[in-house]
Amino acid sequence: MDAEVCHLLQMWGLGNYINLFRQNSITSSSMALLGPAEIRELFPNIGHRTIFTRNLEEYRTRYHPQILTYATGDVYINSYPAPEVSSYLSLNYEDTDLFF
């Protein structure tokens, strides 16, 4: 674990998880890649999980913009194509009620 992770956890009010992150060798780079299953395992408390997840989203947006998080909770590195993109490309907009 690096000093940045320790600082962030303390800043987010989750300092009591520092030892757990240290035991799991979570660095700032690996923290940015945590998915829903790992977060659920680290934070069994729903309130703490919610706080961490919200702050992690902001952290990714600001410091790791190449990492994409989808509504499903799946995490992708931007250099790989997202599976959802192909379904949007084949959508026929004339058949929808999106336009008024």
N, C-alpha and C. Protein backbone atom coordinates (compact mmCIF):
# COMPACT_ATOMS: atom_id res chain seq x y z
N MET A 1 0.85 -1.18 0.00
CA MET A 1 0.00 0.00 0.00
C MET A 1 0.89 1.24 0.00
N ASP A 2 0.48 2.23 -0.76
CA ASP A 2 1.26 3.45 -0.81
C ASP A 2 0.62 4.56 0.04
N ALA A 3 1.37 5.64 0.23
CA ALA A 3 0.92 6.73 1.08
C ALA A 3 -0.34 7.39 0.54
N GLU A 4 -0.51 7.39 -0.78
CA GLU A 4 -1.70 8.01 -1.38
C GLU A 4 -2.98 7.30 -0.94
N VAL A 5 -2.97 5.97 -0.93
CA VAL A 5 -4.15 5.21 -0.51
C VAL A 5 -4.45 5.50 0.96
N CYS A 6 -3.43 5.52 1.78
CA CYS A 6 -3.60 5.81 3.21
C CYS A 6 -4.23 7.20 3.38
N HIS A 7 -3.70 8.17 2.67
CA HIS A 7 -4.22 9.54 2.76
C HIS A 7 -5.67 9.61 2.30
N LEU A 8 -5.98 8.97 1.17
CA LEU A 8 -7.35 9.00 0.64
C LEU A 8 -8.33 8.36 1.61
N LEU A 9 -8.00 7.21 2.13
CA LEU A 9 -8.90 6.54 3.07
C LEU A 9 -9.17 7.42 4.29
N GLN A 10 -8.13 8.06 4.80
CA GLN A 10 -8.31 8.96 5.94
C GLN A 10 -9.17 10.16 5.56
N MET A 11 -8.91 10.73 4.39
CA MET A 11 -9.66 11.89 3.93
C MET A 11 -11.14 11.55 3.72
N TRP A 12 -11.43 10.31 3.30
CA TRP A 12 -12.79 9.88 3.05
C TRP A 12 -13.48 9.37 4.32
N GLY A 13 -12.80 9.45 5.46
CA GLY A 13 -13.38 8.99 6.72
C GLY A 13 -13.38 7.48 6.86
N LEU A 14 -12.49 6.81 6.14
CA LEU A 14 -12.42 5.35 6.15
C LEU A 14 -11.05 4.86 6.62
N GLY A 15 -10.43 5.62 7.50
CA GLY A 15 -9.10 5.28 7.99
C GLY A 15 -9.00 3.93 8.68
N ASN A 16 -10.14 3.45 9.21
CA ASN A 16 -10.10 2.15 9.89
C ASN A 16 -9.90 0.99 8.90
N TYR A 17 -9.91 1.26 7.60
CA TYR A 17 -9.68 0.22 6.59
C TYR A 17 -8.23 0.20 6.09
N ILE A 18 -7.38 1.07 6.61
CA ILE A 18 -6.00 1.15 6.14
C ILE A 18 -5.29 -0.19 6.28
N ASN A 19 -5.40 -0.84 7.43
CA ASN A 19 -4.71 -2.13 7.63
C ASN A 19 -5.23 -3.19 6.66
N LEU A 20 -6.53 -3.19 6.39
CA LEU A 20 -7.11 -4.15 5.46
C LEU A 20 -6.54 -3.93 4.05
N PHE A 21 -6.43 -2.67 3.64
CA PHE A 21 -5.85 -2.36 2.33
C PHE A 21 -4.38 -2.76 2.30
N ARG A 22 -3.68 -2.53 3.39
CA ARG A 22 -2.27 -2.92 3.48
C ARG A 22 -2.13 -4.44 3.38
N GLN A 23 -2.97 -5.19 4.11
CA GLN A 23 -2.93 -6.66 4.07
C GLN A 23 -3.20 -7.20 2.67
N ASN A 24 -4.00 -6.49 1.90
CA ASN A 24 -4.34 -6.92 0.55
C ASN A 24 -3.46 -6.27 -0.53
N SER A 25 -2.40 -5.57 -0.11
CA SER A 25 -1.43 -4.93 -1.01
C SER A 25 -2.10 -4.04 -2.05
N ILE A 26 -3.09 -3.27 -1.62
CA ILE A 26 -3.82 -2.39 -2.54
C ILE A 26 -3.07 -1.07 -2.66
N THR A 27 -2.61 -0.79 -3.87
CA THR A 27 -1.92 0.47 -4.17
C THR A 27 -2.92 1.42 -4.83
N SER A 28 -2.49 2.63 -5.10
CA SER A 28 -3.40 3.58 -5.76
C SER A 28 -3.78 3.06 -7.15
N SER A 29 -2.86 2.42 -7.84
CA SER A 29 -3.17 1.87 -9.17
C SER A 29 -4.17 0.73 -9.09
N SER A 30 -3.95 -0.19 -8.14
CA SER A 30 -4.88 -1.32 -8.03
C SER A 30 -6.21 -0.88 -7.45
N MET A 31 -6.20 0.12 -6.58
CA MET A 31 -7.46 0.63 -6.02
C MET A 31 -8.35 1.18 -7.13
N ALA A 32 -7.75 1.87 -8.10
CA ALA A 32 -8.52 2.44 -9.20
C ALA A 32 -9.20 1.37 -10.05
N LEU A 33 -8.71 0.14 -9.98
CA LEU A 33 -9.26 -0.95 -10.78
C LEU A 33 -10.21 -1.86 -10.00
N LEU A 34 -10.46 -1.55 -8.74
CA LEU A 34 -11.36 -2.40 -7.94
C LEU A 34 -12.75 -2.43 -8.56
N GLY A 35 -13.32 -3.62 -8.63
CA GLY A 35 -14.68 -3.79 -9.14
C GLY A 35 -15.65 -4.00 -7.99
N PRO A 36 -16.92 -4.14 -8.30
CA PRO A 36 -17.95 -4.27 -7.26
C PRO A 36 -17.73 -5.46 -6.32
N ALA A 37 -17.28 -6.58 -6.84
CA ALA A 37 -17.08 -7.76 -5.99
C ALA A 37 -15.97 -7.52 -4.97
N GLU A 38 -14.87 -6.92 -5.41
CA GLU A 38 -13.77 -6.63 -4.49
C GLU A 38 -14.18 -5.59 -3.46
N ILE A 39 -14.90 -4.57 -3.91
CA ILE A 39 -15.36 -3.52 -2.99
C ILE A 39 -16.31 -4.10 -1.95
N ARG A 40 -17.20 -4.98 -2.37
CA ARG A 40 -18.14 -5.63 -1.45
C ARG A 40 -17.39 -6.47 -0.42
N GLU A 41 -16.33 -7.14 -0.86
CA GLU A 41 -15.54 -7.95 0.06
C GLU A 41 -14.79 -7.08 1.07
N LEU A 42 -14.24 -5.97 0.60
CA LEU A 42 -13.49 -5.07 1.48
C LEU A 42 -14.39 -4.31 2.44
N PHE A 43 -15.60 -3.96 1.97
CA PHE A 43 -16.51 -3.13 2.75
C PHE A 43 -17.85 -3.84 2.94
N PRO A 44 -17.95 -4.76 3.89
CA PRO A 44 -19.22 -5.43 4.13
C PRO A 44 -20.30 -4.46 4.65
N ASN A 45 -19.89 -3.38 5.29
CA ASN A 45 -20.81 -2.37 5.78
C ASN A 45 -21.30 -1.53 4.61
N ILE A 46 -22.61 -1.50 4.38
CA ILE A 46 -23.18 -0.82 3.22
C ILE A 46 -22.87 0.68 3.23
N GLY A 47 -22.94 1.30 4.39
CA GLY A 47 -22.65 2.73 4.46
C GLY A 47 -21.22 3.04 4.06
N HIS A 48 -20.26 2.28 4.58
CA HIS A 48 -18.86 2.49 4.24
C HIS A 48 -18.61 2.18 2.77
N ARG A 49 -19.27 1.13 2.27
CA ARG A 49 -19.12 0.76 0.86
C ARG A 49 -19.61 1.89 -0.04
N THR A 50 -20.73 2.49 0.32
CA THR A 50 -21.29 3.57 -0.47
C THR A 50 -20.36 4.78 -0.47
N ILE A 51 -19.83 5.12 0.68
CA ILE A 51 -18.89 6.24 0.78
C ILE A 51 -17.65 5.97 -0.07
N PHE A 52 -17.10 4.76 0.04
CA PHE A 52 -15.91 4.42 -0.73
C PHE A 52 -16.19 4.46 -2.22
N THR A 53 -17.30 3.85 -2.64
CA THR A 53 -17.63 3.77 -4.06
C THR A 53 -17.78 5.16 -4.67
N ARG A 54 -18.48 6.04 -3.98
CA ARG A 54 -18.67 7.41 -4.49
C ARG A 54 -17.34 8.15 -4.61
N ASN A 55 -16.52 8.04 -3.59
CA ASN A 55 -15.22 8.70 -3.63
C ASN A 55 -14.30 8.07 -4.67
N LEU A 56 -14.36 6.76 -4.84
CA LEU A 56 -13.55 6.08 -5.85
C LEU A 56 -13.94 6.55 -7.25
N GLU A 57 -15.23 6.72 -7.50
CA GLU A 57 -15.67 7.23 -8.81
C GLU A 57 -15.07 8.61 -9.09
N GLU A 58 -15.10 9.49 -8.10
CA GLU A 58 -14.51 10.82 -8.26
C GLU A 58 -13.01 10.73 -8.48
N TYR A 59 -12.35 9.85 -7.72
CA TYR A 59 -10.90 9.65 -7.85
C TYR A 59 -10.55 9.16 -9.25
N ARG A 60 -11.31 8.18 -9.75
CA ARG A 60 -11.05 7.67 -11.11
C ARG A 60 -11.23 8.77 -12.14
N THR A 61 -12.29 9.54 -12.02
CA THR A 61 -12.57 10.60 -12.99
C THR A 61 -11.45 11.63 -13.01
N ARG A 62 -10.96 11.97 -11.86
CA ARG A 62 -9.95 13.03 -11.76
C ARG A 62 -8.54 12.54 -12.09
N TYR A 63 -8.15 11.37 -11.56
CA TYR A 63 -6.77 10.93 -11.65
C TYR A 63 -6.52 9.74 -12.58
N HIS A 64 -7.55 9.04 -12.97
CA HIS A 64 -7.41 7.88 -13.86
C HIS A 64 -8.51 7.90 -14.92
N PRO A 65 -8.56 8.94 -15.76
CA PRO A 65 -9.66 9.05 -16.73
C PRO A 65 -9.68 7.93 -17.76
N GLN A 66 -8.58 7.18 -17.89
CA GLN A 66 -8.56 6.07 -18.84
C GLN A 66 -9.36 4.87 -18.35
N ILE A 67 -9.76 4.88 -17.09
CA ILE A 67 -10.54 3.79 -16.52
C ILE A 67 -12.01 4.15 -16.59
N LEU A 68 -12.79 3.28 -17.22
CA LEU A 68 -14.22 3.51 -17.38
C LEU A 68 -14.99 2.60 -16.45
N THR A 69 -16.02 3.14 -15.82
CA THR A 69 -16.90 2.34 -14.97
C THR A 69 -18.30 2.43 -15.55
N TYR A 70 -18.92 1.30 -15.76
CA TYR A 70 -20.26 1.26 -16.32
C TYR A 70 -21.30 1.07 -15.23
N ALA A 71 -22.55 1.35 -15.56
CA ALA A 71 -23.64 1.25 -14.59
C ALA A 71 -23.72 -0.15 -13.98
N THR A 72 -23.25 -1.15 -14.71
CA THR A 72 -23.26 -2.52 -14.19
C THR A 72 -22.20 -2.71 -13.13
N GLY A 73 -21.29 -1.74 -13.01
CA GLY A 73 -20.19 -1.85 -12.07
C GLY A 73 -18.94 -2.40 -12.71
N ASP A 74 -19.03 -2.84 -13.96
CA ASP A 74 -17.86 -3.37 -14.65
C ASP A 74 -16.86 -2.25 -14.88
N VAL A 75 -15.59 -2.59 -14.78
CA VAL A 75 -14.51 -1.63 -14.94
C VAL A 75 -13.69 -2.03 -16.15
N TYR A 76 -13.42 -1.06 -17.03
CA TYR A 76 -12.63 -1.32 -18.23
C TYR A 76 -11.55 -0.26 -18.37
N ILE A 77 -10.42 -0.66 -18.95
CA ILE A 77 -9.39 0.29 -19.32
C ILE A 77 -9.79 0.84 -20.68
N ASN A 78 -9.69 2.13 -20.87
CA ASN A 78 -10.18 2.80 -22.07
C ASN A 78 -9.55 2.30 -23.36
N SER A 79 -8.39 1.67 -23.30
CA SER A 79 -7.75 1.20 -24.52
C SER A 79 -8.44 -0.03 -25.10
N TYR A 80 -9.35 -0.64 -24.34
CA TYR A 80 -10.10 -1.80 -24.82
C TYR A 80 -11.51 -1.36 -25.17
N PRO A 81 -12.10 -1.92 -26.22
CA PRO A 81 -13.47 -1.52 -26.56
C PRO A 81 -14.46 -2.05 -25.53
N ALA A 82 -15.41 -1.21 -25.20
CA ALA A 82 -16.45 -1.60 -24.25
C ALA A 82 -17.48 -2.45 -24.97
N PRO A 83 -17.96 -3.53 -24.36
CA PRO A 83 -18.91 -4.40 -25.05
C PRO A 83 -20.23 -3.73 -25.39
N GLU A 84 -20.65 -2.73 -24.62
CA GLU A 84 -21.93 -2.09 -24.87
C GLU A 84 -21.94 -1.24 -26.13
N VAL A 85 -20.79 -0.79 -26.60
CA VAL A 85 -20.72 0.14 -27.72
C VAL A 85 -21.35 -0.45 -28.97
N SER A 86 -21.10 -1.70 -29.28
CA SER A 86 -21.60 -2.30 -30.52
C SER A 86 -23.12 -2.31 -30.57
N SER A 87 -23.78 -2.48 -29.43
CA SER A 87 -25.24 -2.49 -29.44
C SER A 87 -25.79 -1.10 -29.73
N TYR A 88 -25.10 -0.06 -29.30
CA TYR A 88 -25.56 1.29 -29.59
C TYR A 88 -25.37 1.64 -31.07
N LEU A 89 -24.32 1.11 -31.67
CA LEU A 89 -24.05 1.41 -33.06
C LEU A 89 -25.11 0.82 -33.99
N SER A 90 -25.72 -0.28 -33.59
CA SER A 90 -26.69 -0.92 -34.46
C SER A 90 -28.12 -0.44 -34.21
N LEU A 91 -28.31 0.49 -33.27
CA LEU A 91 -29.64 0.98 -32.96
C LEU A 91 -30.17 1.85 -34.09
N ASN A 92 -31.38 1.57 -34.52
CA ASN A 92 -32.02 2.36 -35.57
C ASN A 92 -32.87 3.44 -34.89
N TYR A 93 -32.43 4.68 -34.97
CA TYR A 93 -33.10 5.76 -34.26
C TYR A 93 -34.47 6.08 -34.84
N GLU A 94 -34.73 5.72 -36.08
CA GLU A 94 -36.03 5.99 -36.67
C GLU A 94 -37.13 5.16 -36.01
N ASP A 95 -36.75 4.05 -35.39
CA ASP A 95 -37.73 3.17 -34.76
C ASP A 95 -37.97 3.49 -33.29
N THR A 96 -37.41 4.57 -32.80
CA THR A 96 -37.56 4.90 -31.38
C THR A 96 -38.36 6.17 -31.21
N ASP A 97 -38.77 6.42 -30.00
CA ASP A 97 -39.51 7.63 -29.67
C ASP A 97 -38.61 8.66 -28.99
N LEU A 98 -37.31 8.60 -29.29
CA LEU A 98 -36.37 9.50 -28.63
C LEU A 98 -36.48 10.94 -29.12
N PHE A 99 -36.97 11.11 -30.32
CA PHE A 99 -37.02 12.45 -30.89
C PHE A 99 -38.46 12.94 -30.92
N PHE A 100 -38.64 14.19 -30.61
CA PHE A 100 -39.98 14.78 -30.56
C PHE A 100 -40.34 15.46 -31.84
